[in-house]
Amino acid sequence: MDVASGLAASIRMPVLALLVDRDAETRRMYTEYLRRAACATDEAEDGREALVKALTHQPDIIVTETRLPGINGLELCRLLRQDNATRTTPIIVVTGDGLDENVRRAAAAGADAVLVKPCLPEALFAEMARVLSLSVALREHARDLREKATEQLARADALIKRSNANQRRTIMSRAYNRRDTAEPPLAPPTLVCPECDVPLQYQRSYIGGVSERHAEQWDCYECTGGCGGFQYRQRTRKLRRI
């Protein structure tokens, strides 16, 4: 017994497989192999055609490439999972993007399995047999686990990004030299006391703000008539008692 026959014996036949790929030669290669394994096949070359055939022909399993004209493979998965008629239909995604992030995205979209190109027909059929041998309940449970894991990874990524952003802000904040100085960037204006109209005597300035680029200057004065201390904010040009 060859590999295809052995695998075919492990699942109920015949099986109708919908093959979705923009490349006709790839579809032909898979179709020839699957038909020798007693699988019936249907084909679609873009996402819209695949969606229509999946809903109308009700295939037992769907194999889709990710890069499709019209509706891409991941969006096709999401749409199929939203329809009651195809919500539990096994979906295998075949992708040329083997990065972990792309594999997670395919699983989050609803794929039961993800294969990376180049994918031989034997490997595809073996994965089809594995997925089809699982019960609907097991597939739904596995999908729920993948969705929860994907959500947790997304939350973890968001927390890491937020932490990195806060750390960068903290580092920038610490790097900025806030200081008291008697030689501020902006010349302190000549002011009079708002209470007794005598000249205010300049004491020092405080340079603050969120960063060097968005610095602020406060000038401190003392009333020579004994009214006390005052502070002048350069940005708002307001004087207040301190």
Protein backbone atom coordinates (compact mmCIF):
# COMPACT_ATOMS: atom_id res chain seq x y z
CA MET A 1 0.00 0.00 0.00
CA ASP A 2 1.48 3.40 -1.00
CA VAL A 3 1.49 6.49 1.24
CA ALA A 4 -1.62 8.02 -0.35
CA SER A 5 -3.62 4.81 0.00
CA GLY A 6 -2.56 4.36 3.60
CA LEU A 7 -3.57 7.87 4.52
CA ALA A 8 -6.81 7.62 2.57
CA ALA A 9 -7.73 4.56 4.63
CA SER A 10 -7.43 6.62 7.82
CA ILE A 11 -10.26 8.97 6.82
CA ARG A 12 -13.71 8.52 5.38
CA MET A 13 -13.66 8.75 1.59
CA PRO A 14 -14.57 10.25 -0.76
CA VAL A 15 -13.54 13.72 0.41
CA LEU A 16 -14.26 16.91 -1.52
CA ALA A 17 -11.33 19.31 -1.25
CA LEU A 18 -11.55 22.92 -2.44
CA LEU A 19 -8.12 24.01 -3.70
CA VAL A 20 -7.61 27.78 -3.78
CA ASP A 21 -4.48 29.11 -5.48
CA ARG A 22 -3.86 31.78 -8.10
CA ASP A 23 -1.31 29.50 -9.80
CA ALA A 24 -3.00 27.03 -12.15
CA GLU A 25 0.04 24.72 -12.22
CA THR A 26 0.00 24.41 -8.43
CA ARG A 27 -3.70 23.57 -8.45
CA ARG A 28 -3.13 20.98 -11.20
CA MET A 29 -0.28 19.34 -9.24
CA TYR A 30 -2.35 19.01 -6.07
CA THR A 31 -5.47 17.92 -7.98
CA GLU A 32 -3.68 15.07 -9.78
CA TYR A 33 -2.21 13.71 -6.56
CA LEU A 34 -5.42 14.02 -4.55
CA ARG A 35 -7.49 12.34 -7.24
CA ARG A 36 -5.10 9.35 -7.19
CA ALA A 37 -5.81 9.25 -3.45
CA ALA A 38 -9.56 9.08 -4.20
CA CYS A 39 -10.21 12.70 -3.23
CA ALA A 40 -12.65 14.73 -5.30
CA THR A 41 -11.45 18.28 -5.92
CA ASP A 42 -12.85 21.66 -6.77
CA GLU A 43 -10.70 24.67 -7.68
CA ALA A 44 -10.74 28.44 -7.33
CA GLU A 45 -8.13 30.94 -8.49
CA ASP A 46 -9.14 33.91 -6.29
CA GLY A 47 -10.71 34.61 -2.92
CA ARG A 48 -14.14 35.67 -4.17
CA GLU A 49 -14.58 32.56 -6.29
CA ALA A 50 -13.41 30.42 -3.37
CA LEU A 51 -15.92 32.04 -1.00
CA VAL A 52 -18.81 31.36 -3.39
CA LYS A 53 -17.78 27.74 -4.00
CA ALA A 54 -17.20 27.08 -0.29
CA LEU A 55 -20.69 28.30 0.60
CA THR A 56 -22.49 26.61 -2.29
CA HIS A 57 -20.56 23.33 -2.73
CA GLN A 58 -19.86 22.69 0.99
CA PRO A 59 -16.42 21.01 0.59
CA ASP A 60 -15.13 18.69 3.32
CA ILE A 61 -11.85 20.62 3.53
CA ILE A 62 -10.44 23.83 2.08
CA VAL A 63 -6.79 24.39 1.11
CA THR A 64 -5.95 28.01 0.39
CA GLU A 65 -2.92 30.08 -0.46
CA THR A 66 -2.54 33.39 1.40
CA ARG A 67 -1.79 35.69 -1.54
CA LEU A 68 -4.96 35.66 -3.60
CA PRO A 69 -6.52 38.24 -5.93
CA GLY A 70 -9.65 39.96 -4.63
CA ILE A 71 -9.93 38.48 -1.12
CA ASN A 72 -6.65 37.22 0.33
CA GLY A 73 -6.38 33.84 2.02
CA LEU A 74 -6.49 35.18 5.59
CA GLU A 75 -9.58 37.28 4.94
CA LEU A 76 -11.16 34.26 3.24
CA CYS A 77 -10.57 32.25 6.44
CA ARG A 78 -12.17 34.94 8.58
CA LEU A 79 -15.23 35.15 6.33
CA LEU A 80 -15.68 31.38 6.29
CA ARG A 81 -15.46 31.21 10.08
CA GLN A 82 -18.21 33.84 10.37
CA ASP A 83 -20.70 31.78 8.32
CA ASN A 84 -22.54 28.94 10.05
CA ALA A 85 -22.30 26.79 6.92
CA THR A 86 -18.48 26.79 6.94
CA ARG A 87 -17.69 27.64 10.57
CA THR A 88 -16.37 24.14 11.31
CA THR A 89 -15.03 23.26 7.84
CA PRO A 90 -11.32 22.34 8.14
CA ILE A 91 -9.07 24.95 6.51
CA ILE A 92 -5.40 24.47 5.67
CA VAL A 93 -3.44 27.59 4.76
CA VAL A 94 -0.39 27.23 2.53
CA THR A 95 1.87 30.27 2.67
CA GLY A 96 5.19 31.41 1.32
CA ASP A 97 5.68 33.59 4.41
CA GLY A 98 7.06 31.22 7.04
CA LEU A 99 7.70 33.80 9.75
CA ASP A 100 6.20 33.01 13.16
CA GLU A 101 4.10 36.19 13.03
CA ASN A 102 2.53 35.16 9.70
CA VAL A 103 1.81 31.65 11.01
CA ARG A 104 0.11 33.17 14.09
CA ARG A 105 -1.96 35.47 11.87
CA ALA A 106 -3.16 32.50 9.82
CA ALA A 107 -4.13 30.60 12.97
CA ALA A 108 -5.91 33.67 14.34
CA ALA A 109 -7.86 33.98 11.07
CA GLY A 110 -9.23 30.48 11.59
CA ALA A 111 -6.80 28.08 9.92
CA ASP A 112 -6.71 24.56 11.36
CA ALA A 113 -3.19 24.04 10.00
CA VAL A 114 -0.52 26.15 8.31
CA LEU A 115 1.97 24.75 5.78
CA VAL A 116 4.92 26.64 4.37
CA LYS A 117 5.85 26.59 0.69
CA PRO A 118 7.29 24.71 -1.06
CA CYS A 119 4.75 22.11 0.04
CA LEU A 120 4.78 18.72 -1.69
CA PRO A 121 1.43 17.03 -2.44
CA GLU A 122 2.37 14.18 -0.10
CA ALA A 123 2.86 16.61 2.80
CA LEU A 124 -0.39 18.38 2.00
CA PHE A 125 -2.38 15.14 1.89
CA ALA A 126 -0.84 13.92 5.14
CA GLU A 127 -1.94 17.16 6.84
CA MET A 128 -5.40 16.88 5.27
CA ALA A 129 -5.76 13.35 6.67
CA ARG A 130 -4.62 14.52 10.13
CA VAL A 131 -7.05 17.45 10.21
CA LEU A 132 -9.97 15.43 8.84
CA SER A 133 -9.41 12.67 11.40
CA LEU A 134 -10.12 15.12 14.22
CA SER A 135 -13.69 15.47 15.35
CA VAL A 136 -15.54 18.75 15.01
CA ALA A 137 -15.47 19.18 18.79
CA LEU A 138 -11.71 18.69 18.91
CA ARG A 139 -11.16 21.13 16.04
CA GLU A 140 -13.31 23.76 17.73
CA HIS A 141 -11.49 23.22 21.03
CA ALA A 142 -8.11 23.53 19.31
CA ARG A 143 -9.30 26.65 17.50
CA ASP A 144 -10.47 28.20 20.77
CA LEU A 145 -7.08 27.49 22.32
CA ARG A 146 -5.29 29.08 19.35
CA GLU A 147 -7.52 32.14 19.50
CA LYS A 148 -6.85 32.56 23.23
CA ALA A 149 -3.13 32.12 22.68
CA THR A 150 -3.20 34.67 19.87
CA GLU A 151 -5.07 37.15 22.08
CA GLN A 152 -2.55 36.61 24.87
CA LEU A 153 0.35 37.15 22.46
CA ALA A 154 -1.27 40.33 21.16
CA ARG A 155 -1.75 41.62 24.73
CA ALA A 156 1.84 40.71 25.58
CA ASP A 157 3.12 42.51 22.47
CA ALA A 158 1.06 45.58 23.38
CA LEU A 159 2.40 45.56 26.95
CA ILE A 160 5.97 45.21 25.70
CA LYS A 161 5.52 48.11 23.26
CA ARG A 162 3.93 50.24 25.99
CA SER A 163 6.73 49.38 28.40
CA ASN A 164 9.38 50.22 25.81
CA ALA A 165 7.67 53.54 25.06
CA ASN A 166 7.49 54.39 28.77
CA GLN A 167 11.13 53.44 29.18
CA ARG A 168 12.14 55.68 26.27
CA ARG A 169 10.14 58.56 27.76
CA THR A 170 11.76 57.96 31.15
CA ILE A 171 15.24 57.88 29.63
CA MET A 172 14.54 61.09 27.69
CA SER A 173 13.11 62.69 30.80
CA ARG A 174 16.18 61.82 32.85
CA ALA A 175 18.52 62.93 30.09
CA TYR A 176 16.96 66.40 30.01
CA ASN A 177 18.85 68.82 32.27
CA ARG A 178 16.26 70.67 34.36
CA ARG A 179 18.02 73.30 36.41
CA ASP A 180 18.19 76.58 38.30
CA THR A 181 20.34 79.18 36.60
CA ALA A 182 21.21 82.85 36.73
CA GLU A 183 21.91 82.85 32.98
CA PRO A 184 18.65 81.64 31.36
CA PRO A 185 18.17 81.23 27.59
CA LEU A 186 15.56 84.05 27.54
CA ALA A 187 16.36 87.37 29.12
CA PRO A 188 14.18 88.01 32.20
CA PRO A 189 11.98 91.09 31.65
CA THR A 190 12.02 94.20 33.83
CA LEU A 191 8.94 94.03 36.07
CA VAL A 192 7.29 96.01 38.84
CA CYS A 193 5.48 94.65 41.88
CA PRO A 194 1.73 94.29 41.16
CA GLU A 195 1.01 95.27 44.77
CA CYS A 196 3.26 98.28 45.48
CA ASP A 197 4.51 99.26 42.01
CA VAL A 198 8.18 99.22 43.03
CA PRO A 199 10.69 97.45 40.78
CA LEU A 200 11.08 93.69 41.20
CA GLN A 201 14.62 92.42 41.63
CA TYR A 202 15.55 89.40 39.47
CA GLN A 203 16.92 86.45 41.51
CA ARG A 204 17.26 83.37 39.32
CA SER A 205 15.46 81.26 36.67
CA TYR A 206 14.25 77.67 36.58
CA ILE A 207 14.47 75.78 33.26
CA GLY A 208 11.97 72.88 33.07
CA GLY A 209 9.46 71.36 30.68
CA VAL A 210 9.21 67.88 29.16
CA SER A 211 12.34 68.01 26.98
CA GLU A 212 15.07 70.26 25.63
CA ARG A 213 12.94 70.89 22.58
CA HIS A 214 9.91 71.85 24.68
CA ALA A 215 11.69 73.66 27.48
CA GLU A 216 9.95 76.19 29.74
CA GLN A 217 11.43 79.06 31.72
CA TRP A 218 10.23 80.52 35.00
CA ASP A 219 11.96 83.69 36.29
CA CYS A 220 12.00 84.39 40.03
CA TYR A 221 11.88 87.90 41.48
CA GLU A 222 11.91 89.57 44.90
CA CYS A 223 9.97 92.74 45.65
CA THR A 224 12.34 95.45 46.87
CA GLY A 225 9.40 96.98 48.76
CA GLY A 226 9.02 93.87 50.94
CA CYS A 227 5.97 92.28 49.30
CA GLY A 228 7.73 88.94 48.90
CA GLY A 229 8.66 86.67 46.00
CA PHE A 230 7.13 86.40 42.56
CA GLN A 231 7.49 84.07 39.60
CA TYR A 232 7.15 85.01 35.94
CA ARG A 233 6.34 82.30 33.33
CA GLN A 234 7.87 83.15 29.97
CA ARG A 235 5.45 81.09 27.87
CA THR A 236 2.26 82.60 29.28
CA ARG A 237 3.80 85.98 30.32
CA LYS A 238 2.03 85.76 33.65
CA LEU A 239 3.37 86.87 37.05
CA ARG A 240 2.30 85.17 40.25
CA ARG A 241 3.23 85.41 43.92
CA ILE A 242 5.19 82.50 45.39
